[in-house]
Amino acid sequence: MTRVTTLKADKAGLAALIDYYAGLAADQLRRDGVSRGPVDYYLDPNEPPGRWWGSGCAAMELAGEVQPEQLAALLQARHPGYGGRLGRGFGAKSARGFDATFSAPKSASLLWALSPDPWVRAEVLAAHDTAVLAGLDWFEHHGAVTRRGKDGVDQVDTQGLVAALFRQHTSRTADPELHTHAVIAAKVQNPTGKWLSLDARFLKQQQRSISWVYASAVRSELSGRLGVSWGPVEEGHAEIHGVPGDLLKVFSQRSQQVEAKTPSWSLPGSTSTTAPSPTPGPSTSWNGGRCWPADRPSRTRSRPRRCARSGRSGPERLASNRCHYPMAIVRCREALPWTSTP
């Protein structure tokens, strides 16, 4: 599943927004099981550092691991290298970025968490990473455009996207939950090198398509790597055949919380076009206490079109055979056919 959240903040809430995502980068860089930033629910010391992705990274002078100050600069429309302003900067109502979260099927997360074989766990992580890049590549190829002209009626190709990728292994309730946050910068360059805003209508309106690309890639990768089979595909998604439904439910506490709170809350300081956040928290001041409706119409008619691109590098493998779920859940392994002992 893929969920896209728009990152917005007025002057009063800007510091909280920047601290949140810069803290995420700092935690991922120094992962040792001790929380430092506001994202204190990521417990696995083997989560990899954030990494930069996208064809636009060269112009931003970004490569390799994500540094907190680099991400903070992007959220303020400043160049991460020399600190200059990118285009016209951001206003109080500007989208400063987009958090596209790619979540693996719960059965795949359980296969990674409960398998005693480090090779199996590494293959699950590699399959997830490859599928994330497949979804992002598809979006960059088709929807990395900006707008110009009256009311932004003309869509213009760009030189590519910039995104910070953070892979995490657990949910807020410490359930196994393989997912990757792709924090996409709101600033892009047109072919002449001018910094403009990303036209995110394609990202918002086609997020289901992006989600299906990711889900299809996950199934293909896991079937090819581990030979698993899949249950029926419903709404573009499926679970690994043979994983008991009751086990999926046991390790889906976060989903149950979201379902209980969905009617009441949206993520403070952002707009999500799928499930809103169940936790209000003190950060509701990010937008002066205001939450934008998820179905707010665009000011202009959407005209998504294909963007021709070339020279894209292949998927980068981030998996490590040292990763393993840290909690004591060995007692659950006998419930899975691939982990039972004779």
C-alpha atoms as a PDB file:
ATOM      1  CA  MET A   1       0.000   0.000   0.000  1.00  0.00           C
ATOM      2  CA  THR A   2       1.131   3.536  -0.717  1.00  0.00           C
ATOM      3  CA  ARG A   3      -0.080   6.630   1.114  1.00  0.00           C
ATOM      4  CA  VAL A   4       0.842  10.183   0.138  1.00  0.00           C
ATOM      5  CA  THR A   5       0.836  12.973   2.713  1.00  0.00           C
ATOM      6  CA  THR A   6       1.331  16.630   1.808  1.00  0.00           C
ATOM      7  CA  LEU A   7       3.743  18.435   4.135  1.00  0.00           C
ATOM      8  CA  LYS A   8       2.578  21.959   4.942  1.00  0.00           C
ATOM      9  CA  ALA A   9       3.354  24.323   7.786  1.00  0.00           C
ATOM     10  CA  ASP A  10       2.814  27.985   8.592  1.00  0.00           C
ATOM     11  CA  LYS A  11       5.414  30.032  10.454  1.00  0.00           C
ATOM     12  CA  ALA A  12       4.228  28.774  13.827  1.00  0.00           C
ATOM     13  CA  GLY A  13       4.491  25.118  12.860  1.00  0.00           C
ATOM     14  CA  LEU A  14       7.511  25.151  10.552  1.00  0.00           C
ATOM     15  CA  ALA A  15      10.038  24.346  13.266  1.00  0.00           C
ATOM     16  CA  ALA A  16       8.041  21.309  14.378  1.00  0.00           C
ATOM     17  CA  LEU A  17       7.766  20.008  10.831  1.00  0.00           C
ATOM     18  CA  ILE A  18      11.497  20.406  10.183  1.00  0.00           C
ATOM     19  CA  ASP A  19      12.445  18.903  13.551  1.00  0.00           C
ATOM     20  CA  TYR A  20      10.271  15.876  12.837  1.00  0.00           C
ATOM     21  CA  TYR A  21      11.875  14.952   9.526  1.00  0.00           C
ATOM     22  CA  ALA A  22      15.386  16.108  10.428  1.00  0.00           C
ATOM     23  CA  GLY A  23      15.028  14.007  13.582  1.00  0.00           C
ATOM     24  CA  LEU A  24      14.057  11.046  11.440  1.00  0.00           C
ATOM     25  CA  ALA A  25      17.251  11.450   9.417  1.00  0.00           C
ATOM     26  CA  ALA A  26      19.333  11.781  12.584  1.00  0.00           C
ATOM     27  CA  ASP A  27      17.809   8.663  14.126  1.00  0.00           C
ATOM     28  CA  GLN A  28      18.436   6.634  10.988  1.00  0.00           C
ATOM     29  CA  LEU A  29      22.070   7.772  10.772  1.00  0.00           C
ATOM     30  CA  ARG A  30      22.922   6.763  14.327  1.00  0.00           C
ATOM     31  CA  ARG A  31      20.703   3.751  14.726  1.00  0.00           C
ATOM     32  CA  ASP A  32      21.700   2.025  17.958  1.00  0.00           C
ATOM     33  CA  GLY A  33      18.334   1.363  19.583  1.00  0.00           C
ATOM     34  CA  VAL A  34      18.345   4.705  21.408  1.00  0.00           C
ATOM     35  CA  SER A  35      15.860   7.304  20.205  1.00  0.00           C
ATOM     36  CA  ARG A  36      17.014  10.884  19.706  1.00  0.00           C
ATOM     37  CA  GLY A  37      14.405  12.624  17.585  1.00  0.00           C
ATOM     38  CA  PRO A  38      10.627  12.954  17.799  1.00  0.00           C
ATOM     39  CA  VAL A  39      10.181   9.693  15.904  1.00  0.00           C
ATOM     40  CA  ASP A  40      10.875   7.590  18.962  1.00  0.00           C
ATOM     41  CA  TYR A  41       8.941   4.479  17.993  1.00  0.00           C
ATOM     42  CA  TYR A  42      11.450   3.029  15.506  1.00  0.00           C
ATOM     43  CA  LEU A  43      13.167   0.390  17.577  1.00  0.00           C
ATOM     44  CA  ASP A  44      15.213  -1.798  15.260  1.00  0.00           C
ATOM     45  CA  PRO A  45      18.938  -0.966  15.477  1.00  0.00           C
ATOM     46  CA  ASN A  46      19.501  -2.594  12.064  1.00  0.00           C
ATOM     47  CA  GLU A  47      17.436  -0.125  10.071  1.00  0.00           C
ATOM     48  CA  PRO A  48      19.654   1.427   7.386  1.00  0.00           C
ATOM     49  CA  PRO A  49      20.414   5.158   7.139  1.00  0.00           C
ATOM     50  CA  GLY A  50      18.248   7.225   4.850  1.00  0.00           C
ATOM     51  CA  ARG A  51      19.430   7.454   1.242  1.00  0.00           C
ATOM     52  CA  TRP A  52      18.934  10.002  -1.499  1.00  0.00           C
ATOM     53  CA  TRP A  53      17.130   8.947  -4.651  1.00  0.00           C
ATOM     54  CA  GLY A  54      16.031  10.625  -7.880  1.00  0.00           C
ATOM     55  CA  SER A  55      17.334  12.061 -11.137  1.00  0.00           C
ATOM     56  CA  GLY A  56      17.297  15.549  -9.614  1.00  0.00           C
ATOM     57  CA  CYS A  57      19.838  14.740  -6.900  1.00  0.00           C
ATOM     58  CA  ALA A  58      22.818  15.790  -9.033  1.00  0.00           C
ATOM     59  CA  ALA A  59      21.612  19.386  -9.268  1.00  0.00           C
ATOM     60  CA  MET A  60      21.095  19.402  -5.497  1.00  0.00           C
ATOM     61  CA  GLU A  61      24.574  17.930  -4.898  1.00  0.00           C
ATOM     62  CA  LEU A  62      22.998  15.048  -2.999  1.00  0.00           C
ATOM     63  CA  ALA A  63      24.187  11.444  -2.915  1.00  0.00           C
ATOM     64  CA  GLY A  64      24.484   8.594  -0.445  1.00  0.00           C
ATOM     65  CA  GLU A  65      23.210   8.915   3.114  1.00  0.00           C
ATOM     66  CA  VAL A  66      20.721  11.595   4.124  1.00  0.00           C
ATOM     67  CA  GLN A  67      22.102  14.221   6.486  1.00  0.00           C
ATOM     68  CA  PRO A  68      19.604  16.025   8.763  1.00  0.00           C
ATOM     69  CA  GLU A  69      20.736  19.477   7.665  1.00  0.00           C
ATOM     70  CA  GLN A  70      20.266  18.556   4.003  1.00  0.00           C
ATOM     71  CA  LEU A  71      16.670  17.497   4.514  1.00  0.00           C
ATOM     72  CA  ALA A  72      15.982  20.552   6.666  1.00  0.00           C
ATOM     73  CA  ALA A  73      17.296  22.793   3.880  1.00  0.00           C
ATOM     74  CA  LEU A  74      14.990  21.245   1.297  1.00  0.00           C
ATOM     75  CA  LEU A  75      11.961  21.764   3.536  1.00  0.00           C
ATOM     76  CA  GLN A  76      12.884  25.463   3.623  1.00  0.00           C
ATOM     77  CA  ALA A  77      13.448  25.755  -0.159  1.00  0.00           C
ATOM     78  CA  ARG A  78      17.209  26.176   0.281  1.00  0.00           C
ATOM     79  CA  HIS A  79      19.914  24.433  -1.723  1.00  0.00           C
ATOM     80  CA  PRO A  80      21.461  21.688   0.469  1.00  0.00           C
ATOM     81  CA  GLY A  81      24.929  22.461  -0.901  1.00  0.00           C
ATOM     82  CA  TYR A  82      25.425  26.228  -0.890  1.00  0.00           C
ATOM     83  CA  GLY A  83      22.288  27.342   0.969  1.00  0.00           C
ATOM     84  CA  GLY A  84      20.834  29.577  -1.761  1.00  0.00           C
ATOM     85  CA  ARG A  85      17.097  29.935  -2.186  1.00  0.00           C
ATOM     86  CA  LEU A  86      15.412  27.585  -4.636  1.00  0.00           C
ATOM     87  CA  GLY A  87      13.135  29.666  -6.807  1.00  0.00           C
ATOM     88  CA  ARG A  88      10.609  31.828  -5.019  1.00  0.00           C
ATOM     89  CA  GLY A  89      10.824  29.862  -1.800  1.00  0.00           C
ATOM     90  CA  PHE A  90       7.747  28.789   0.148  1.00  0.00           C
ATOM     91  CA  GLY A  91       4.730  30.723   1.361  1.00  0.00           C
ATOM     92  CA  ALA A  92       2.510  29.981   4.335  1.00  0.00           C
ATOM     93  CA  LYS A  93       0.259  27.759   2.231  1.00  0.00           C
ATOM     94  CA  SER A  94       2.950  26.120   0.119  1.00  0.00           C
ATOM     95  CA  ALA A  95       3.498  22.372   0.020  1.00  0.00           C
ATOM     96  CA  ARG A  96       7.043  21.881   1.302  1.00  0.00           C
ATOM     97  CA  GLY A  97       7.249  18.241   0.347  1.00  0.00           C
ATOM     98  CA  PHE A  98       5.371  14.985   0.092  1.00  0.00           C
ATOM     99  CA  ASP A  99       5.744  11.891   2.247  1.00  0.00           C
ATOM    100  CA  ALA A 100       4.952   8.832   0.124  1.00  0.00           C
ATOM    101  CA  THR A 101       4.900   5.786   2.394  1.00  0.00           C
ATOM    102  CA  PHE A 102       5.263   2.348   0.799  1.00  0.00           C
ATOM    103  CA  SER A 103       4.100  -0.463   3.107  1.00  0.00           C
ATOM    104  CA  ALA A 104       4.762  -4.138   2.441  1.00  0.00           C
ATOM    105  CA  PRO A 105       1.939  -6.682   2.724  1.00  0.00           C
ATOM    106  CA  LYS A 106       1.573  -7.752   6.333  1.00  0.00           C
ATOM    107  CA  SER A 107       2.344 -11.353   5.398  1.00  0.00           C
ATOM    108  CA  ALA A 108       5.670 -10.245   3.883  1.00  0.00           C
ATOM    109  CA  SER A 109       6.526  -8.335   7.055  1.00  0.00           C
ATOM    110  CA  LEU A 110       5.778 -11.458   9.101  1.00  0.00           C
ATOM    111  CA  LEU A 111       7.864 -13.621   6.789  1.00  0.00           C
ATOM    112  CA  TRP A 112      10.781 -11.269   7.449  1.00  0.00           C
ATOM    113  CA  ALA A 113      10.146 -10.984  11.190  1.00  0.00           C
ATOM    114  CA  LEU A 114       9.478 -14.623  12.047  1.00  0.00           C
ATOM    115  CA  SER A 115      11.861 -16.450   9.750  1.00  0.00           C
ATOM    116  CA  PRO A 116      14.955 -17.803  11.534  1.00  0.00           C
ATOM    117  CA  ASP A 117      16.888 -17.798   8.238  1.00  0.00           C
ATOM    118  CA  PRO A 118      18.915 -14.591   7.701  1.00  0.00           C
ATOM    119  CA  TRP A 119      18.997 -15.279   3.952  1.00  0.00           C
ATOM    120  CA  VAL A 120      15.178 -15.265   3.814  1.00  0.00           C
ATOM    121  CA  ARG A 121      15.024 -12.014   5.775  1.00  0.00           C
ATOM    122  CA  ALA A 122      17.565 -10.388   3.461  1.00  0.00           C
ATOM    123  CA  GLU A 123      15.600 -11.451   0.394  1.00  0.00           C
ATOM    124  CA  VAL A 124      12.372  -9.991   1.796  1.00  0.00           C
ATOM    125  CA  LEU A 125      14.106  -6.660   2.458  1.00  0.00           C
ATOM    126  CA  ALA A 126      15.654  -6.656  -1.018  1.00  0.00           C
ATOM    127  CA  ALA A 127      12.260  -7.379  -2.587  1.00  0.00           C
ATOM    128  CA  HIS A 128      10.674  -4.495  -0.697  1.00  0.00           C
ATOM    129  CA  ASP A 129      13.482  -2.074  -1.593  1.00  0.00           C
ATOM    130  CA  THR A 130      13.313  -3.009  -5.265  1.00  0.00           C
ATOM    131  CA  ALA A 131       9.531  -2.582  -5.325  1.00  0.00           C
ATOM    132  CA  VAL A 132       9.786   0.868  -3.710  1.00  0.00           C
ATOM    133  CA  LEU A 133      12.206   1.978  -6.416  1.00  0.00           C
ATOM    134  CA  ALA A 134       9.906   0.533  -9.080  1.00  0.00           C
ATOM    135  CA  GLY A 135       7.015   2.642  -7.799  1.00  0.00           C
ATOM    136  CA  LEU A 136       9.129   5.782  -7.557  1.00  0.00           C
ATOM    137  CA  ASP A 137      10.678   5.250 -10.992  1.00  0.00           C
ATOM    138  CA  TRP A 138       7.193   4.905 -12.488  1.00  0.00           C
ATOM    139  CA  PHE A 139       6.077   8.138 -10.836  1.00  0.00           C
ATOM    140  CA  GLU A 140       9.195  10.030 -11.911  1.00  0.00           C
ATOM    141  CA  HIS A 141       8.851   8.790 -15.497  1.00  0.00           C
ATOM    142  CA  HIS A 142       5.177   9.753 -15.811  1.00  0.00           C
ATOM    143  CA  GLY A 143       4.529  12.539 -13.331  1.00  0.00           C
ATOM    144  CA  ALA A 144       7.657  14.578 -12.549  1.00  0.00           C
ATOM    145  CA  VAL A 145       6.321  17.794 -14.092  1.00  0.00           C
ATOM    146  CA  THR A 146       5.901  21.417 -13.119  1.00  0.00           C
ATOM    147  CA  ARG A 147       3.393  24.049 -14.241  1.00  0.00           C
ATOM    148  CA  ARG A 148       3.547  27.419 -15.880  1.00  0.00           C
ATOM    149  CA  GLY A 149       1.232  29.835 -17.654  1.00  0.00           C
ATOM    150  CA  LYS A 150      -2.021  31.279 -16.378  1.00  0.00           C
ATOM    151  CA  ASP A 151      -3.455  29.084 -13.621  1.00  0.00           C
ATOM    152  CA  GLY A 152      -0.665  26.598 -14.327  1.00  0.00           C
ATOM    153  CA  VAL A 153      -2.430  25.283 -17.398  1.00  0.00           C
ATOM    154  CA  ASP A 154       0.800  24.207 -19.134  1.00  0.00           C
ATOM    155  CA  GLN A 155       2.726  21.229 -17.781  1.00  0.00           C
ATOM    156  CA  VAL A 156       6.470  21.206 -18.343  1.00  0.00           C
ATOM    157  CA  ASP A 157       8.972  18.367 -18.029  1.00  0.00           C
ATOM    158  CA  THR A 158      11.542  18.596 -15.251  1.00  0.00           C
ATOM    159  CA  GLN A 159      15.037  17.277 -14.677  1.00  0.00           C
ATOM    160  CA  GLY A 160      13.770  14.729 -12.162  1.00  0.00           C
ATOM    161  CA  LEU A 161      12.780  14.277  -8.554  1.00  0.00           C
ATOM    162  CA  VAL A 162      14.673  14.410  -5.274  1.00  0.00           C
ATOM    163  CA  ALA A 163      13.588  12.143  -2.430  1.00  0.00           C
ATOM    164  CA  ALA A 164      14.977  10.958   0.892  1.00  0.00           C
ATOM    165  CA  LEU A 165      14.214   7.262   1.469  1.00  0.00           C
ATOM    166  CA  PHE A 166      13.911   5.890   4.992  1.00  0.00           C
ATOM    167  CA  ARG A 167      13.217   2.177   5.392  1.00  0.00           C
ATOM    168  CA  GLN A 168      11.740   1.150   8.733  1.00  0.00           C
ATOM    169  CA  HIS A 169      10.766  -2.207  10.120  1.00  0.00           C
ATOM    170  CA  THR A 170       8.128  -1.658  12.794  1.00  0.00           C
ATOM    171  CA  SER A 171       4.902   0.233  13.341  1.00  0.00           C
ATOM    172  CA  ARG A 172       4.209   2.601  16.210  1.00  0.00           C
ATOM    173  CA  THR A 173       2.830  -0.376  18.126  1.00  0.00           C
ATOM    174  CA  ALA A 174       6.072  -2.346  17.503  1.00  0.00           C
ATOM    175  CA  ASP A 175       4.362  -4.769  15.122  1.00  0.00           C
ATOM    176  CA  PRO A 176       6.444  -6.052  12.189  1.00  0.00           C
ATOM    177  CA  GLU A 177       5.731  -3.486   9.463  1.00  0.00           C
ATOM    178  CA  LEU A 178       8.226  -3.107   6.632  1.00  0.00           C
ATOM    179  CA  HIS A 179       7.695   0.320   5.110  1.00  0.00           C
ATOM    180  CA  THR A 180       9.665   3.085   3.448  1.00  0.00           C
ATOM    181  CA  HIS A 181       9.089   6.813   3.773  1.00  0.00           C
ATOM    182  CA  ALA A 182       9.937   8.616   0.537  1.00  0.00           C
ATOM    183  CA  VAL A 183      10.128  12.302   1.464  1.00  0.00           C
ATOM    184  CA  ILE A 184       9.832  13.963  -1.957  1.00  0.00           C
ATOM    185  CA  ALA A 185      11.100  17.525  -2.350  1.00  0.00           C
ATOM    186  CA  ALA A 186       8.567  20.062  -3.609  1.00  0.00           C
ATOM    187  CA  LYS A 187      11.167  21.892  -5.718  1.00  0.00           C
ATOM    188  CA  VAL A 188      12.170  20.703  -9.193  1.00  0.00           C
ATOM    189  CA  GLN A 189      14.113  22.152 -12.114  1.00  0.00           C
ATOM    190  CA  ASN A 190      12.656  22.742 -15.540  1.00  0.00           C
ATOM    191  CA  PRO A 191      14.836  22.028 -18.621  1.00  0.00           C
ATOM    192  CA  THR A 192      16.358  25.530 -18.440  1.00  0.00           C
ATOM    193  CA  GLY A 193      17.502  25.032 -14.834  1.00  0.00           C
ATOM    194  CA  LYS A 194      14.879  27.268 -13.225  1.00  0.00           C
ATOM    195  CA  TRP A 195      13.609  26.099  -9.838  1.00  0.00           C
ATOM    196  CA  LEU A 196       9.839  25.674  -9.753  1.00  0.00           C
ATOM    197  CA  SER A 197       7.299  23.731  -7.714  1.00  0.00           C
ATOM    198  CA  LEU A 198       6.448  20.116  -8.445  1.00  0.00           C
ATOM    199  CA  ASP A 199       2.972  19.706  -9.925  1.00  0.00           C
ATOM    200  CA  ALA A 200       1.793  17.104  -7.441  1.00  0.00           C
ATOM    201  CA  ARG A 201      -1.620  16.480  -8.963  1.00  0.00           C
ATOM    202  CA  PHE A 202      -0.337  13.341 -10.683  1.00  0.00           C
ATOM    203  CA  LEU A 203       1.186  12.090  -7.418  1.00  0.00           C
ATOM    204  CA  LYS A 204      -2.075  12.614  -5.551  1.00  0.00           C
ATOM    205  CA  GLN A 205      -4.478  11.391  -8.203  1.00  0.00           C
ATOM    206  CA  GLN A 206      -2.377   8.417  -9.283  1.00  0.00           C
ATOM    207  CA  GLN A 207      -1.237   7.210  -5.904  1.00  0.00           C
ATOM    208  CA  ARG A 208      -3.383   4.116  -6.292  1.00  0.00           C
ATOM    209  CA  SER A 209      -1.564   3.353  -9.537  1.00  0.00           C
ATOM    210  CA  ILE A 210       1.785   3.905  -7.809  1.00  0.00           C
ATOM    211  CA  SER A 211       0.621   1.597  -5.027  1.00  0.00           C
ATOM    212  CA  TRP A 212      -0.301  -1.103  -7.528  1.00  0.00           C
ATOM    213  CA  VAL A 213       3.071  -0.823  -9.249  1.00  0.00           C
ATOM    214  CA  TYR A 214       4.756  -1.298  -5.868  1.00  0.00           C
ATOM    215  CA  ALA A 215       2.490  -4.194  -4.852  1.00  0.00           C
ATOM    216  CA  SER A 216       2.933  -5.975  -8.186  1.00  0.00           C
ATOM    217  CA  ALA A 217       6.705  -5.578  -7.943  1.00  0.00           C
ATOM    218  CA  VAL A 218       6.719  -6.984  -4.387  1.00  0.00           C
ATOM    219  CA  ARG A 219       4.806 -10.063  -5.502  1.00  0.00           C
ATOM    220  CA  SER A 220       7.059 -10.584  -8.491  1.00  0.00           C
ATOM    221  CA  GLU A 221      10.248 -10.131  -6.488  1.00  0.00           C
ATOM    222  CA  LEU A 222       9.228 -12.416  -3.608  1.00  0.00           C
ATOM    223  CA  SER A 223       7.948 -15.108  -5.962  1.00  0.00           C
ATOM    224  CA  GLY A 224      11.198 -15.011  -7.916  1.00  0.00           C
ATOM    225  CA  ARG A 225      13.472 -14.836  -4.878  1.00  0.00           C
ATOM    226  CA  LEU A 226      11.714 -17.211  -2.464  1.00  0.00           C
ATOM    227  CA  GLY A 227       9.139 -19.075  -4.552  1.00  0.00           C
ATOM    228  CA  VAL A 228       6.152 -17.931  -2.491  1.00  0.00           C
ATOM    229  CA  SER A 229       2.629 -18.027  -3.903  1.00  0.00           C
ATOM    230  CA  TRP A 230      -0.093 -15.468  -3.338  1.00  0.00           C
ATOM    231  CA  GLY A 231      -3.724 -15.352  -2.416  1.00  0.00           C
ATOM    232  CA  PRO A 232      -6.328 -13.508  -4.482  1.00  0.00           C
ATOM    233  CA  VAL A 233      -5.451  -9.974  -5.579  1.00  0.00           C
ATOM    234  CA  GLU A 234      -8.059  -7.544  -4.241  1.00  0.00           C
ATOM    235  CA  GLU A 235      -7.843  -3.822  -5.015  1.00  0.00           C
ATOM    236  CA  GLY A 236      -4.335  -4.429  -6.324  1.00  0.00           C
ATOM    237  CA  HIS A 237      -3.042  -6.105  -3.163  1.00  0.00           C
ATOM    238  CA  ALA A 238      -2.601  -9.670  -1.927  1.00  0.00           C
ATOM    239  CA  GLU A 239      -1.113 -11.648   0.946  1.00  0.00           C
ATOM    240  CA  ILE A 240       1.285 -14.589   0.830  1.00  0.00           C
ATOM    241  CA  HIS A 241      -0.615 -17.849   0.544  1.00  0.00           C
ATOM    242  CA  GLY A 242      -0.562 -19.912   3.720  1.00  0.00           C
ATOM    243  CA  VAL A 243      -0.243 -17.145   6.297  1.00  0.00           C
ATOM    244  CA  PRO A 244      -3.171 -17.515   8.716  1.00  0.00           C
ATOM    245  CA  GLY A 245      -5.562 -14.597   8.795  1.00  0.00           C
ATOM    246  CA  ASP A 246      -5.623 -14.665  12.593  1.00  0.00           C
ATOM    247  CA  LEU A 247      -1.856 -14.164  12.658  1.00  0.00           C
ATOM    248  CA  LEU A 248      -2.154 -11.165  10.342  1.00  0.00           C
ATOM    249  CA  LYS A 249      -4.720  -9.671  12.698  1.00  0.00           C
ATOM    250  CA  VAL A 250      -2.585 -10.258  15.803  1.00  0.00           C
ATOM    251  CA  PHE A 251       0.241  -8.197  14.323  1.00  0.00           C
ATOM    252  CA  SER A 252      -1.990  -5.437  12.937  1.00  0.00           C
ATOM    253  CA  GLN A 253      -2.606  -3.400  16.069  1.00  0.00           C
ATOM    254  CA  ARG A 254      -1.827  -0.151  14.294  1.00  0.00           C
ATOM    255  CA  SER A 255      -4.431  -0.810  11.604  1.00  0.00           C
ATOM    256  CA  GLN A 256      -7.032  -1.438  14.269  1.00  0.00           C
ATOM    257  CA  GLN A 257      -6.176   1.874  15.926  1.00  0.00           C
ATOM    258  CA  VAL A 258      -6.394   3.702  12.590  1.00  0.00           C
ATOM    259  CA  GLU A 259      -9.790   2.172  11.826  1.00  0.00           C
ATOM    260  CA  ALA A 260     -11.070   3.226  15.239  1.00  0.00           C
ATOM    261  CA  LYS A 261      -9.838   6.833  14.903  1.00  0.00           C
ATOM    262  CA  THR A 262     -10.179   7.429  11.160  1.00  0.00           C
ATOM    263  CA  PRO A 263     -13.370   9.526  11.350  1.00  0.00           C
ATOM    264  CA  SER A 264     -11.839  11.969  13.836  1.00  0.00           C
ATOM    265  CA  TRP A 265      -8.312  12.930  12.873  1.00  0.00           C
ATOM    266  CA  SER A 266      -5.974  13.914  10.049  1.00  0.00           C
ATOM    267  CA  LEU A 267      -2.206  14.165  10.368  1.00  0.00           C
ATOM    268  CA  PRO A 268      -1.454  17.604  11.852  1.00  0.00           C
ATOM    269  CA  GLY A 269       0.368  19.872   9.463  1.00  0.00           C
ATOM    270  CA  SER A 270      -0.393  17.769   6.433  1.00  0.00           C
ATOM    271  CA  THR A 271      -3.073  16.395   4.166  1.00  0.00           C
ATOM    272  CA  SER A 272      -3.326  12.703   3.472  1.00  0.00           C
ATOM    273  CA  THR A 273      -5.287  11.405   0.529  1.00  0.00           C
ATOM    274  CA  THR A 274      -5.814   8.014   2.149  1.00  0.00           C
ATOM    275  CA  ALA A 275      -5.936   7.083   5.808  1.00  0.00           C
ATOM    276  CA  PRO A 276      -5.499   9.954   8.285  1.00  0.00           C
ATOM    277  CA  SER A 277      -3.339   9.705  11.368  1.00  0.00           C
ATOM    278  CA  PRO A 278      -5.082   8.426  14.502  1.00  0.00           C
ATOM    279  CA  THR A 279      -2.956  10.422  16.924  1.00  0.00           C
ATOM    280  CA  PRO A 280      -3.590  14.172  17.360  1.00  0.00           C
ATOM    281  CA  GLY A 281      -0.644  14.906  19.663  1.00  0.00           C
ATOM    282  CA  PRO A 282       0.778  18.320  20.520  1.00  0.00           C
ATOM    283  CA  SER A 283       1.917  19.037  16.970  1.00  0.00           C
ATOM    284  CA  THR A 284      -1.529  20.191  15.831  1.00  0.00           C
ATOM    285  CA  SER A 285      -0.058  23.697  15.811  1.00  0.00           C
ATOM    286  CA  TRP A 286       1.898  22.891  12.614  1.00  0.00           C
ATOM    287  CA  ASN A 287      -0.860  24.605  10.659  1.00  0.00           C
ATOM    288  CA  GLY A 288      -2.378  26.693  13.389  1.00  0.00           C
ATOM    289  CA  GLY A 289      -4.654  23.821  14.339  1.00  0.00           C
ATOM    290  CA  ARG A 290      -6.119  23.511  10.847  1.00  0.00           C
ATOM    291  CA  CYS A 291      -6.369  20.275   8.880  1.00  0.00           C
ATOM    292  CA  TRP A 292      -7.087  20.406   5.163  1.00  0.00           C
ATOM    293  CA  PRO A 293      -9.792  18.072   3.800  1.00  0.00           C
ATOM    294  CA  ALA A 294      -8.421  15.026   2.043  1.00  0.00           C
ATOM    295  CA  ASP A 295     -10.638  15.572  -0.983  1.00  0.00           C
ATOM    296  CA  ARG A 296      -9.903  19.288  -1.481  1.00  0.00           C
ATOM    297  CA  PRO A 297     -10.255  19.934  -5.229  1.00  0.00           C
ATOM    298  CA  SER A 298      -7.336  21.237  -7.245  1.00  0.00           C
ATOM    299  CA  ARG A 299      -7.484  24.855  -8.380  1.00  0.00           C
ATOM    300  CA  THR A 300      -6.869  23.812 -11.954  1.00  0.00           C
ATOM    301  CA  ARG A 301      -7.953  20.950 -14.104  1.00  0.00           C
ATOM    302  CA  SER A 302      -5.562  18.038 -13.923  1.00  0.00           C
ATOM    303  CA  ARG A 303      -3.781  17.230 -17.158  1.00  0.00           C
ATOM    304  CA  PRO A 304      -1.290  14.469 -16.366  1.00  0.00           C
ATOM    305  CA  ARG A 305       0.866  13.355 -19.242  1.00  0.00           C
ATOM    306  CA  ARG A 306       3.824  11.139 -19.904  1.00  0.00           C
ATOM    307  CA  CYS A 307       7.286  12.635 -19.345  1.00  0.00           C
ATOM    308  CA  ALA A 308      10.048  11.219 -21.516  1.00  0.00           C
ATOM    309  CA  ARG A 309      13.166  10.331 -19.532  1.00  0.00           C
ATOM    310  CA  SER A 310      16.340   8.372 -20.055  1.00  0.00           C
ATOM    311  CA  GLY A 311      19.566   7.440 -18.359  1.00  0.00           C
ATOM    312  CA  ARG A 312      17.945   6.050 -15.212  1.00  0.00           C
ATOM    313  CA  SER A 313      20.082   3.846 -13.055  1.00  0.00           C
ATOM    314  CA  GLY A 314      18.932   0.412 -11.938  1.00  0.00           C
ATOM    315  CA  PRO A 315      17.514  -0.364  -8.476  1.00  0.00           C
ATOM    316  CA  GLU A 316      19.931  -0.117  -5.602  1.00  0.00           C
ATOM    317  CA  ARG A 317      19.897  -2.959  -3.149  1.00  0.00           C
ATOM    318  CA  LEU A 318      19.795  -1.801   0.438  1.00  0.00           C
ATOM    319  CA  ALA A 319      19.084  -5.109   2.145  1.00  0.00           C
ATOM    320  CA  SER A 320      21.440  -6.590   4.681  1.00  0.00           C
ATOM    321  CA  ASN A 321      21.464 -10.134   5.980  1.00  0.00           C
ATOM    322  CA  ARG A 322      22.045  -8.800   9.480  1.00  0.00           C
ATOM    323  CA  CYS A 323      18.524  -7.373   9.837  1.00  0.00           C
ATOM    324  CA  HIS A 324      16.152  -9.189  12.179  1.00  0.00           C
ATOM    325  CA  TYR A 325      13.071  -8.252  14.139  1.00  0.00           C
ATOM    326  CA  PRO A 326      14.221  -7.362  17.663  1.00  0.00           C
ATOM    327  CA  MET A 327      11.214  -8.472  19.733  1.00  0.00           C
ATOM    328  CA  ALA A 328      10.744 -11.823  21.453  1.00  0.00           C
ATOM    329  CA  ILE A 329       8.192 -13.406  19.134  1.00  0.00           C
ATOM    330  CA  VAL A 330       9.824 -16.782  18.567  1.00  0.00           C
ATOM    331  CA  ARG A 331       6.831 -18.501  20.136  1.00  0.00           C
ATOM    332  CA  CYS A 332       4.706 -17.507  17.136  1.00  0.00           C
ATOM    333  CA  ARG A 333       6.919 -19.219  14.563  1.00  0.00           C
ATOM    334  CA  GLU A 334       5.175 -22.590  14.781  1.00  0.00           C
ATOM    335  CA  ALA A 335       2.067 -20.938  13.307  1.00  0.00           C
ATOM    336  CA  LEU A 336       3.849 -20.435   9.977  1.00  0.00           C
ATOM    337  CA  PRO A 337       4.410 -23.443   7.684  1.00  0.00           C
ATOM    338  CA  TRP A 338       7.863 -22.271   6.534  1.00  0.00           C
ATOM    339  CA  THR A 339       9.214 -21.913  10.094  1.00  0.00           C
ATOM    340  CA  SER A 340       7.837 -25.047  11.748  1.00  0.00           C
ATOM    341  CA  THR A 341      10.274 -27.660  12.936  1.00  0.00           C
ATOM    342  CA  PRO A 342       9.777 -31.427  12.405  1.00  0.00           C
END
